[in-house]
Amino acid sequence: MSSSKIILILGMMLVTFIPRLVPFLFISDRELPKRLKGFLKSVPYVALGALIIPGVFSATPSMPAAGTLGIVFAFIYSWLRGGIMVPVFGSIVITVLMLWVK
């Protein structure tokens, strides 16, 4: 591996590591406000939604309603009952059935 690639990799490492380290160093011993804690707890869900939602509409371009119905089922079931397996498999089954019935 050339030295320029190693320098590039080390630079990328620093660019991603420093923003994670700084809050840890300055905030780890403080009690965060309740609203900020609530906001930070929702970040993983928002990020996951940002990754999943676009794929729902592009996965079945011939019938976007199939993917939409699948994600709606997963959302409602997860909200009411929790879990991960039933919403995932249920949304897959509903989407495939919608495409098959088409």
N, C-alpha and C. Protein backbone atom coordinates (compact mmCIF):
# COMPACT_ATOMS: atom_id res chain seq x y z
N MET A 1 0.85 -1.17 0.00
CA MET A 1 0.00 0.00 0.00
C MET A 1 0.90 1.23 0.00
N SER A 2 0.53 2.19 -0.81
CA SER A 2 1.38 3.38 -0.92
C SER A 2 1.18 4.30 0.30
N SER A 3 2.17 5.14 0.50
CA SER A 3 2.13 6.02 1.67
C SER A 3 0.99 7.04 1.56
N SER A 4 0.62 7.44 0.35
CA SER A 4 -0.48 8.41 0.22
C SER A 4 -1.81 7.77 0.63
N LYS A 5 -1.97 6.47 0.37
CA LYS A 5 -3.19 5.79 0.79
C LYS A 5 -3.24 5.65 2.31
N ILE A 6 -2.11 5.37 2.91
CA ILE A 6 -2.05 5.25 4.37
C ILE A 6 -2.36 6.60 5.02
N ILE A 7 -1.81 7.67 4.47
CA ILE A 7 -2.09 9.01 5.00
C ILE A 7 -3.57 9.34 4.83
N LEU A 8 -4.15 8.97 3.70
CA LEU A 8 -5.57 9.20 3.46
C LEU A 8 -6.43 8.44 4.47
N ILE A 9 -6.08 7.20 4.73
CA ILE A 9 -6.84 6.38 5.69
C ILE A 9 -6.70 6.96 7.09
N LEU A 10 -5.51 7.36 7.48
CA LEU A 10 -5.31 7.97 8.80
C LEU A 10 -6.08 9.28 8.91
N GLY A 11 -6.11 10.07 7.84
CA GLY A 11 -6.87 11.31 7.85
C GLY A 11 -8.37 11.06 8.02
N MET A 12 -8.88 10.05 7.32
CA MET A 12 -10.30 9.71 7.46
C MET A 12 -10.59 9.20 8.86
N MET A 13 -9.65 8.48 9.44
CA MET A 13 -9.83 8.00 10.80
C MET A 13 -9.95 9.18 11.77
N LEU A 14 -9.08 10.15 11.63
CA LEU A 14 -9.14 11.32 12.51
C LEU A 14 -10.42 12.11 12.32
N VAL A 15 -10.84 12.27 11.08
CA VAL A 15 -12.05 13.04 10.79
C VAL A 15 -13.28 12.39 11.41
N THR A 16 -13.32 11.07 11.48
CA THR A 16 -14.48 10.41 12.09
C THR A 16 -14.31 10.22 13.60
N PHE A 17 -13.09 10.12 14.07
CA PHE A 17 -12.85 9.87 15.49
C PHE A 17 -13.01 11.13 16.34
N ILE A 18 -12.51 12.25 15.87
CA ILE A 18 -12.52 13.48 16.66
C ILE A 18 -13.94 13.93 17.02
N PRO A 19 -14.90 13.95 16.08
CA PRO A 19 -16.25 14.36 16.49
C PRO A 19 -16.90 13.42 17.51
N ARG A 20 -16.44 12.20 17.59
CA ARG A 20 -16.96 11.27 18.60
C ARG A 20 -16.25 11.46 19.94
N LEU A 21 -15.00 11.82 19.89
CA LEU A 21 -14.21 11.97 21.10
C LEU A 21 -14.53 13.26 21.86
N VAL A 22 -14.71 14.35 21.14
CA VAL A 22 -14.89 15.66 21.77
C VAL A 22 -16.10 15.68 22.72
N PRO A 23 -17.29 15.25 22.29
CA PRO A 23 -18.40 15.25 23.25
C PRO A 23 -18.15 14.34 24.44
N PHE A 24 -17.51 13.23 24.22
CA PHE A 24 -17.21 12.31 25.31
C PHE A 24 -16.31 12.98 26.35
N LEU A 25 -15.34 13.73 25.90
CA LEU A 25 -14.40 14.37 26.83
C LEU A 25 -15.05 15.52 27.61
N PHE A 26 -15.92 16.28 26.95
CA PHE A 26 -16.45 17.48 27.59
C PHE A 26 -17.80 17.30 28.25
N ILE A 27 -18.53 16.27 27.90
CA ILE A 27 -19.90 16.13 28.41
C ILE A 27 -20.07 14.90 29.29
N SER A 28 -19.13 14.00 29.30
CA SER A 28 -19.32 12.72 29.99
C SER A 28 -19.55 12.87 31.50
N ASP A 29 -19.03 13.92 32.11
CA ASP A 29 -19.20 14.07 33.56
C ASP A 29 -20.36 14.99 33.92
N ARG A 30 -21.10 15.48 32.94
CA ARG A 30 -22.23 16.37 33.20
C ARG A 30 -23.55 15.63 33.04
N GLU A 31 -24.55 16.15 33.73
CA GLU A 31 -25.92 15.64 33.58
C GLU A 31 -26.57 16.44 32.45
N LEU A 32 -27.03 15.76 31.43
CA LEU A 32 -27.64 16.43 30.30
C LEU A 32 -29.08 16.82 30.62
N PRO A 33 -29.55 17.91 30.02
CA PRO A 33 -30.96 18.29 30.22
C PRO A 33 -31.90 17.20 29.69
N LYS A 34 -33.07 17.13 30.29
CA LYS A 34 -34.04 16.10 29.97
C LYS A 34 -34.43 16.13 28.49
N ARG A 35 -34.64 17.32 27.94
CA ARG A 35 -35.04 17.44 26.53
C ARG A 35 -33.94 16.97 25.60
N LEU A 36 -32.69 17.27 25.94
CA LEU A 36 -31.57 16.84 25.10
C LEU A 36 -31.43 15.32 25.15
N LYS A 37 -31.62 14.74 26.32
CA LYS A 37 -31.58 13.28 26.44
C LYS A 37 -32.65 12.64 25.57
N GLY A 38 -33.86 13.21 25.60
CA GLY A 38 -34.94 12.69 24.77
C GLY A 38 -34.61 12.79 23.29
N PHE A 39 -34.01 13.92 22.90
CA PHE A 39 -33.62 14.10 21.51
C PHE A 39 -32.57 13.08 21.10
N LEU A 40 -31.56 12.90 21.93
CA LEU A 40 -30.48 11.97 21.60
C LEU A 40 -30.95 10.52 21.55
N LYS A 41 -31.96 10.19 22.36
CA LYS A 41 -32.50 8.83 22.31
C LYS A 41 -33.24 8.55 21.01
N SER A 42 -33.77 9.59 20.37
CA SER A 42 -34.52 9.38 19.12
C SER A 42 -33.63 9.35 17.89
N VAL A 43 -32.39 9.75 18.00
CA VAL A 43 -31.49 9.80 16.85
C VAL A 43 -31.33 8.44 16.16
N PRO A 44 -31.11 7.33 16.87
CA PRO A 44 -30.97 6.05 16.16
C PRO A 44 -32.21 5.68 15.35
N TYR A 45 -33.39 5.97 15.87
CA TYR A 45 -34.62 5.64 15.15
C TYR A 45 -34.76 6.50 13.90
N VAL A 46 -34.42 7.76 14.01
CA VAL A 46 -34.50 8.66 12.85
C VAL A 46 -33.50 8.24 11.78
N ALA A 47 -32.30 7.89 12.21
CA ALA A 47 -31.29 7.46 11.25
C ALA A 47 -31.71 6.17 10.55
N LEU A 48 -32.26 5.24 11.31
CA LEU A 48 -32.73 3.99 10.73
C LEU A 48 -33.87 4.25 9.75
N GLY A 49 -34.77 5.14 10.13
CA GLY A 49 -35.87 5.50 9.23
C GLY A 49 -35.35 6.14 7.95
N ALA A 50 -34.35 6.99 8.06
CA ALA A 50 -33.77 7.63 6.87
C ALA A 50 -33.12 6.62 5.95
N LEU A 51 -32.63 5.53 6.50
CA LEU A 51 -32.04 4.48 5.67
C LEU A 51 -33.09 3.56 5.05
N ILE A 52 -34.16 3.30 5.78
CA ILE A 52 -35.15 2.32 5.33
C ILE A 52 -36.19 2.92 4.40
N ILE A 53 -36.74 4.07 4.73
CA ILE A 53 -37.88 4.63 4.01
C ILE A 53 -37.62 4.80 2.51
N PRO A 54 -36.50 5.37 2.08
CA PRO A 54 -36.29 5.48 0.62
C PRO A 54 -36.27 4.12 -0.08
N GLY A 55 -35.74 3.12 0.58
CA GLY A 55 -35.70 1.78 0.00
C GLY A 55 -37.07 1.16 -0.15
N VAL A 56 -38.00 1.54 0.71
CA VAL A 56 -39.36 1.00 0.64
C VAL A 56 -40.00 1.38 -0.69
N PHE A 57 -39.82 2.61 -1.10
CA PHE A 57 -40.46 3.08 -2.32
C PHE A 57 -39.70 2.67 -3.58
N SER A 58 -38.42 2.41 -3.48
CA SER A 58 -37.67 2.01 -4.66
C SER A 58 -37.56 0.50 -4.80
N ALA A 59 -37.93 -0.27 -3.80
CA ALA A 59 -37.82 -1.73 -3.86
C ALA A 59 -38.83 -2.33 -4.83
N THR A 60 -40.02 -1.73 -4.89
CA THR A 60 -41.07 -2.23 -5.78
C THR A 60 -41.54 -1.08 -6.67
N PRO A 61 -40.73 -0.68 -7.65
CA PRO A 61 -41.10 0.50 -8.45
C PRO A 61 -42.36 0.29 -9.28
N SER A 62 -42.67 -0.95 -9.62
CA SER A 62 -43.88 -1.18 -10.41
C SER A 62 -45.15 -1.03 -9.57
N MET A 63 -45.02 -1.19 -8.25
CA MET A 63 -46.18 -1.08 -7.36
C MET A 63 -45.74 -0.55 -6.01
N PRO A 64 -45.52 0.75 -5.89
CA PRO A 64 -45.04 1.31 -4.62
C PRO A 64 -46.01 1.10 -3.46
N ALA A 65 -47.29 0.86 -3.75
CA ALA A 65 -48.25 0.63 -2.67
C ALA A 65 -47.93 -0.65 -1.91
N ALA A 66 -47.31 -1.63 -2.56
CA ALA A 66 -46.96 -2.88 -1.89
C ALA A 66 -45.93 -2.63 -0.78
N GLY A 67 -44.88 -1.91 -1.11
CA GLY A 67 -43.88 -1.58 -0.10
C GLY A 67 -44.43 -0.69 0.99
N THR A 68 -45.29 0.23 0.59
CA THR A 68 -45.90 1.14 1.56
C THR A 68 -46.77 0.37 2.55
N LEU A 69 -47.57 -0.55 2.04
CA LEU A 69 -48.42 -1.35 2.93
C LEU A 69 -47.57 -2.21 3.87
N GLY A 70 -46.47 -2.75 3.37
CA GLY A 70 -45.57 -3.53 4.21
C GLY A 70 -44.97 -2.71 5.34
N ILE A 71 -44.51 -1.51 5.04
CA ILE A 71 -43.90 -0.68 6.07
C ILE A 71 -44.95 -0.18 7.06
N VAL A 72 -46.17 0.07 6.58
CA VAL A 72 -47.24 0.49 7.48
C VAL A 72 -47.55 -0.63 8.48
N PHE A 73 -47.61 -1.87 7.97
CA PHE A 73 -47.83 -3.01 8.88
C PHE A 73 -46.72 -3.08 9.92
N ALA A 74 -45.47 -2.98 9.47
CA ALA A 74 -44.33 -3.08 10.40
C ALA A 74 -44.39 -1.97 11.45
N PHE A 75 -44.74 -0.77 11.04
CA PHE A 75 -44.81 0.35 11.98
C PHE A 75 -45.91 0.12 13.02
N ILE A 76 -47.11 -0.23 12.55
CA ILE A 76 -48.23 -0.40 13.47
C ILE A 76 -47.98 -1.57 14.42
N TYR A 77 -47.51 -2.69 13.89
CA TYR A 77 -47.26 -3.85 14.75
C TYR A 77 -46.17 -3.54 15.78
N SER A 78 -45.11 -2.89 15.34
CA SER A 78 -44.02 -2.55 16.26
C SER A 78 -44.50 -1.59 17.34
N TRP A 79 -45.33 -0.65 16.96
CA TRP A 79 -45.85 0.33 17.91
C TRP A 79 -46.72 -0.34 18.97
N LEU A 80 -47.57 -1.27 18.53
CA LEU A 80 -48.52 -1.88 19.45
C LEU A 80 -47.93 -3.06 20.24
N ARG A 81 -47.12 -3.87 19.59
CA ARG A 81 -46.67 -5.11 20.22
C ARG A 81 -45.16 -5.17 20.47
N GLY A 82 -44.41 -4.39 19.76
CA GLY A 82 -42.96 -4.45 19.91
C GLY A 82 -42.36 -5.61 19.13
N GLY A 83 -41.14 -5.90 19.40
CA GLY A 83 -40.47 -7.00 18.72
C GLY A 83 -39.85 -6.56 17.41
N ILE A 84 -39.14 -7.49 16.80
CA ILE A 84 -38.49 -7.19 15.53
C ILE A 84 -38.80 -8.24 14.47
N MET A 85 -38.94 -9.49 14.88
CA MET A 85 -39.11 -10.56 13.90
C MET A 85 -40.46 -10.50 13.19
N VAL A 86 -41.54 -10.36 13.93
CA VAL A 86 -42.87 -10.35 13.32
C VAL A 86 -43.03 -9.14 12.39
N PRO A 87 -42.64 -7.94 12.78
CA PRO A 87 -42.77 -6.82 11.83
C PRO A 87 -41.96 -7.01 10.55
N VAL A 88 -40.75 -7.53 10.68
CA VAL A 88 -39.91 -7.74 9.49
C VAL A 88 -40.53 -8.79 8.58
N PHE A 89 -40.81 -9.96 9.12
CA PHE A 89 -41.37 -11.02 8.29
C PHE A 89 -42.77 -10.66 7.80
N GLY A 90 -43.56 -10.03 8.65
CA GLY A 90 -44.91 -9.63 8.25
C GLY A 90 -44.89 -8.64 7.10
N SER A 91 -44.00 -7.66 7.17
CA SER A 91 -43.93 -6.68 6.09
C SER A 91 -43.45 -7.32 4.79
N ILE A 92 -42.55 -8.29 4.89
CA ILE A 92 -42.10 -9.01 3.69
C ILE A 92 -43.25 -9.80 3.09
N VAL A 93 -43.98 -10.52 3.92
CA VAL A 93 -45.10 -11.33 3.44
C VAL A 93 -46.16 -10.45 2.80
N ILE A 94 -46.51 -9.35 3.45
CA ILE A 94 -47.53 -8.46 2.90
C ILE A 94 -47.08 -7.87 1.56
N THR A 95 -45.83 -7.46 1.47
CA THR A 95 -45.33 -6.90 0.22
C THR A 95 -45.34 -7.93 -0.88
N VAL A 96 -44.89 -9.14 -0.60
CA VAL A 96 -44.88 -10.20 -1.62
C VAL A 96 -46.30 -10.57 -2.03
N LEU A 97 -47.22 -10.65 -1.06
CA LEU A 97 -48.62 -10.97 -1.41
C LEU A 97 -49.22 -9.87 -2.28
N MET A 98 -48.92 -8.61 -1.96
CA MET A 98 -49.44 -7.52 -2.79
C MET A 98 -48.90 -7.59 -4.21
N LEU A 99 -47.63 -7.93 -4.35
CA LEU A 99 -47.05 -8.06 -5.69
C LEU A 99 -47.59 -9.28 -6.43
N TRP A 100 -47.87 -10.34 -5.68
CA TRP A 100 -48.38 -11.57 -6.28
C TRP A 100 -49.82 -11.39 -6.74
N VAL A 101 -50.63 -10.69 -5.95
CA VAL A 101 -52.03 -10.48 -6.27
C VAL A 101 -52.17 -9.54 -7.46
N LYS A 102 -51.25 -8.68 -7.63
CA LYS A 102 -51.27 -7.69 -8.71
C LYS A 102 -51.57 -8.37 -9.99
